[in-house]
């Protein structure tokens, strides 16, 4: 089932999400719905807060990035078919040089900005079978995971922009929260919710 994506301005996007256990109600169905919702919106990642749930789940499928001709063959191969569910994730280390990449977000449609992040991460997480993993990623793979991880920490990519850039985006962000935007996928807008 395709779920509405929570728009910028909703308080759920600012909450530090809570861990869950294997008894979480309808977890398998939730994960299936998240995949369907993400693919419907042409995303490469989706976190539970983006569908209104303050729990520590996000998923990533970087396959669409593997066609990018600007990437090395090695990076294209790493991105192709990388599809994972991350539950109760914790980034334990971020190293390497900061590098800039143009990011967007399904909760903040039609805004893309250059964001600086560390190039290498180590992350500990549970998969959908609640098996624990500790893995290290770099490059674009690390960036997509960092972006989704930020969502379960209550952080948005716009928080990482300069104060000048934030001021320049203020009206556009306000319009998103009010639903004054054209999009191709279902969204839930906080300002419209209040007005009911």
Protein backbone atom coordinates (compact mmCIF):
# COMPACT_ATOMS: atom_id res chain seq x y z
CA UNK A 1 0.00 0.00 0.00
CA UNK A 2 1.34 3.42 -0.95
CA UNK A 3 1.46 5.68 2.09
CA UNK A 4 1.45 9.49 2.09
CA UNK A 5 4.88 11.02 2.64
CA UNK A 6 5.10 13.49 5.51
CA UNK A 7 5.98 16.99 4.33
CA UNK A 8 8.47 19.45 5.76
CA UNK A 9 7.10 21.19 8.86
CA UNK A 10 5.54 18.12 10.49
CA UNK A 11 6.90 17.68 14.06
CA UNK A 12 7.48 13.93 13.48
CA UNK A 13 10.40 14.84 11.20
CA UNK A 14 12.10 16.55 14.17
CA UNK A 15 11.79 13.69 16.67
CA UNK A 16 14.63 11.35 17.55
CA UNK A 17 13.01 8.04 16.61
CA UNK A 18 12.65 5.14 19.08
CA UNK A 19 14.13 1.65 18.77
CA UNK A 20 11.71 -1.19 18.04
CA UNK A 21 11.81 -4.93 18.71
CA UNK A 22 10.88 -7.94 16.58
CA UNK A 23 7.37 -7.89 18.07
CA UNK A 24 6.58 -4.52 16.46
CA UNK A 25 3.01 -4.80 15.07
CA UNK A 26 2.77 -5.67 11.36
CA UNK A 27 6.46 -4.98 10.79
CA UNK A 28 6.71 -7.04 7.59
CA UNK A 29 3.69 -5.23 6.14
CA UNK A 30 5.13 -1.85 7.19
CA UNK A 31 8.43 -2.58 5.41
CA UNK A 32 6.60 -3.72 2.26
CA UNK A 33 4.50 -0.53 2.32
CA UNK A 34 7.64 1.58 2.76
CA UNK A 35 9.29 -0.02 -0.28
CA UNK A 36 6.15 0.53 -2.36
CA UNK A 37 5.86 4.15 -1.18
CA UNK A 38 9.54 4.88 -1.92
CA UNK A 39 9.44 3.36 -5.41
CA UNK A 40 6.18 5.18 -6.22
CA UNK A 41 7.90 8.50 -5.39
CA UNK A 42 11.09 7.55 -7.31
CA UNK A 43 13.18 7.71 -4.13
CA UNK A 44 16.37 5.85 -3.27
CA UNK A 45 15.71 5.90 0.48
CA UNK A 46 12.84 6.31 2.92
CA UNK A 47 12.76 6.55 6.71
CA UNK A 48 9.80 5.76 8.98
CA UNK A 49 9.44 9.40 10.17
CA UNK A 50 8.76 10.29 6.53
CA UNK A 51 5.55 8.25 6.73
CA UNK A 52 4.68 9.69 10.14
CA UNK A 53 6.20 7.01 12.39
CA UNK A 54 8.87 8.02 14.95
CA UNK A 55 10.60 4.62 14.88
CA UNK A 56 14.15 3.67 13.87
CA UNK A 57 13.63 2.06 10.47
CA UNK A 58 14.88 3.21 7.11
CA UNK A 59 15.44 1.50 3.80
CA UNK A 60 17.70 2.17 0.87
CA UNK A 61 17.87 1.02 -2.75
CA UNK A 62 20.64 2.83 -4.61
CA UNK A 63 20.19 0.95 -7.91
CA UNK A 64 18.94 4.08 -9.79
CA UNK A 65 22.28 5.82 -9.03
CA UNK A 66 24.26 2.97 -10.64
CA UNK A 67 23.51 4.38 -14.12
CA UNK A 68 25.34 7.64 -13.35
CA UNK A 69 28.14 7.90 -15.92
CA UNK A 70 30.07 10.38 -13.74
CA UNK A 71 30.77 7.61 -11.21
CA UNK A 72 33.63 5.12 -11.37
CA UNK A 73 32.88 1.56 -12.48
CA UNK A 74 33.64 0.43 -8.91
CA UNK A 75 31.10 2.84 -7.42
CA UNK A 76 28.47 1.96 -10.06
CA UNK A 77 28.90 -1.71 -9.16
CA UNK A 78 28.57 -1.00 -5.40
CA UNK A 79 25.34 0.98 -5.97
CA UNK A 80 23.75 -1.50 -8.38
CA UNK A 81 21.38 -3.81 -6.51
CA UNK A 82 22.21 -2.38 -3.07
CA UNK A 83 18.87 -2.80 -1.31
CA UNK A 84 18.69 -2.98 2.49
CA UNK A 85 16.47 -2.39 5.50
CA UNK A 86 18.13 -0.75 8.51
CA UNK A 87 16.46 -1.19 11.93
CA UNK A 88 17.69 0.47 15.15
CA UNK A 89 20.71 1.77 13.24
CA UNK A 90 23.57 3.60 14.92
CA UNK A 91 26.40 5.25 12.99
CA UNK A 92 29.44 4.52 15.14
CA UNK A 93 32.07 6.29 13.06
CA UNK A 94 32.33 8.93 10.32
CA UNK A 95 35.77 9.51 8.81
CA UNK A 96 37.54 10.74 5.71
CA UNK A 97 37.29 14.06 3.95
CA UNK A 98 34.11 16.10 3.77
CA UNK A 99 32.70 16.12 0.26
CA UNK A 100 29.81 17.95 -1.33
CA UNK A 101 26.92 16.38 -3.22
CA UNK A 102 23.58 17.77 -4.35
CA UNK A 103 20.84 16.22 -2.16
CA UNK A 104 17.08 16.21 -2.25
CA UNK A 105 14.40 14.66 -0.06
CA UNK A 106 10.93 13.21 -0.65
CA UNK A 107 9.65 15.22 2.36
CA UNK A 108 11.07 18.44 0.87
CA UNK A 109 10.11 18.17 -2.82
CA UNK A 110 11.55 20.47 -5.49
CA UNK A 111 14.45 21.64 -3.33
CA UNK A 112 17.96 20.35 -3.98
CA UNK A 113 21.08 21.75 -2.37
CA UNK A 114 24.76 20.93 -1.99
CA UNK A 115 25.43 19.20 1.33
CA UNK A 116 28.82 18.39 2.84
CA UNK A 117 29.29 15.00 4.57
CA UNK A 118 32.18 12.73 5.63
CA UNK A 119 33.04 10.14 2.99
CA UNK A 120 33.23 6.95 5.12
CA UNK A 121 30.81 5.60 7.74
CA UNK A 122 30.58 2.56 9.99
CA UNK A 123 27.05 1.61 10.96
CA UNK A 124 25.58 -1.06 13.24
CA UNK A 125 22.00 -2.12 12.52
CA UNK A 126 19.51 -4.97 12.49
CA UNK A 127 18.10 -6.34 9.25
CA UNK A 128 14.42 -7.26 8.85
CA UNK A 129 15.14 -10.67 10.44
CA UNK A 130 16.67 -8.82 13.44
CA UNK A 131 20.15 -10.12 12.67
CA UNK A 132 22.84 -7.62 13.72
CA UNK A 133 25.38 -6.23 11.24
CA UNK A 134 28.29 -3.80 11.50
CA UNK A 135 29.38 -2.53 8.09
CA UNK A 136 31.51 0.23 6.58
CA UNK A 137 30.43 2.18 3.50
CA UNK A 138 31.95 4.99 1.49
CA UNK A 139 31.11 7.40 -1.29
CA UNK A 140 27.54 7.76 -2.53
CA UNK A 141 26.42 4.64 -0.66
CA UNK A 142 27.55 6.19 2.63
CA UNK A 143 25.84 9.46 1.74
CA UNK A 144 22.43 7.89 1.05
CA UNK A 145 22.66 6.00 4.35
CA UNK A 146 23.73 9.18 6.21
CA UNK A 147 20.78 11.09 4.74
CA UNK A 148 18.26 8.43 5.83
CA UNK A 149 19.98 7.99 9.19
CA UNK A 150 19.58 11.71 9.81
CA UNK A 151 15.81 11.24 9.46
CA UNK A 152 15.70 8.85 12.44
CA UNK A 153 17.76 11.39 14.40
CA UNK A 154 15.28 14.21 13.64
CA UNK A 155 17.67 15.96 11.23
CA UNK A 156 16.87 17.18 7.70
CA UNK A 157 19.39 17.93 4.95
CA UNK A 158 18.32 21.59 5.06
CA UNK A 159 19.70 21.77 8.63
CA UNK A 160 23.18 21.33 7.16
CA UNK A 161 22.94 24.43 4.96
CA UNK A 162 24.40 27.86 5.73
CA UNK A 163 22.17 30.37 7.52
CA UNK A 164 22.08 32.48 4.34
CA UNK A 165 20.91 29.50 2.26
CA UNK A 166 18.25 28.68 4.91
CA UNK A 167 16.94 32.26 4.76
CA UNK A 168 16.77 32.08 0.96
CA UNK A 169 14.75 28.84 1.17
CA UNK A 170 12.41 29.97 3.97
CA UNK A 171 9.42 30.86 1.77
CA UNK A 172 9.75 27.74 -0.37
CA UNK A 173 9.89 25.55 2.75
CA UNK A 174 6.86 27.33 4.18
CA UNK A 175 4.94 26.67 0.95
CA UNK A 176 5.80 22.96 1.17
CA UNK A 177 4.40 22.74 4.72
CA UNK A 178 1.20 24.45 3.52
CA UNK A 179 0.79 22.10 0.56
CA UNK A 180 1.40 24.87 -1.99
CA UNK A 181 3.41 22.62 -4.27
CA UNK A 182 2.83 20.29 -7.21
CA UNK A 183 4.06 16.75 -6.72
CA UNK A 184 3.60 13.39 -8.41
CA UNK A 185 3.16 11.34 -5.21
CA UNK A 186 0.90 11.32 -2.14
CA UNK A 187 1.90 13.68 0.67
CA UNK A 188 0.52 14.72 4.04
CA UNK A 189 0.98 18.43 4.82
CA UNK A 190 1.16 19.66 8.43
CA UNK A 191 -0.48 23.04 7.80
CA UNK A 192 -3.47 21.42 6.08
CA UNK A 193 -3.80 18.96 8.97
CA UNK A 194 -4.01 21.86 11.47
CA UNK A 195 -6.69 23.62 9.45
CA UNK A 196 -9.19 20.75 9.74
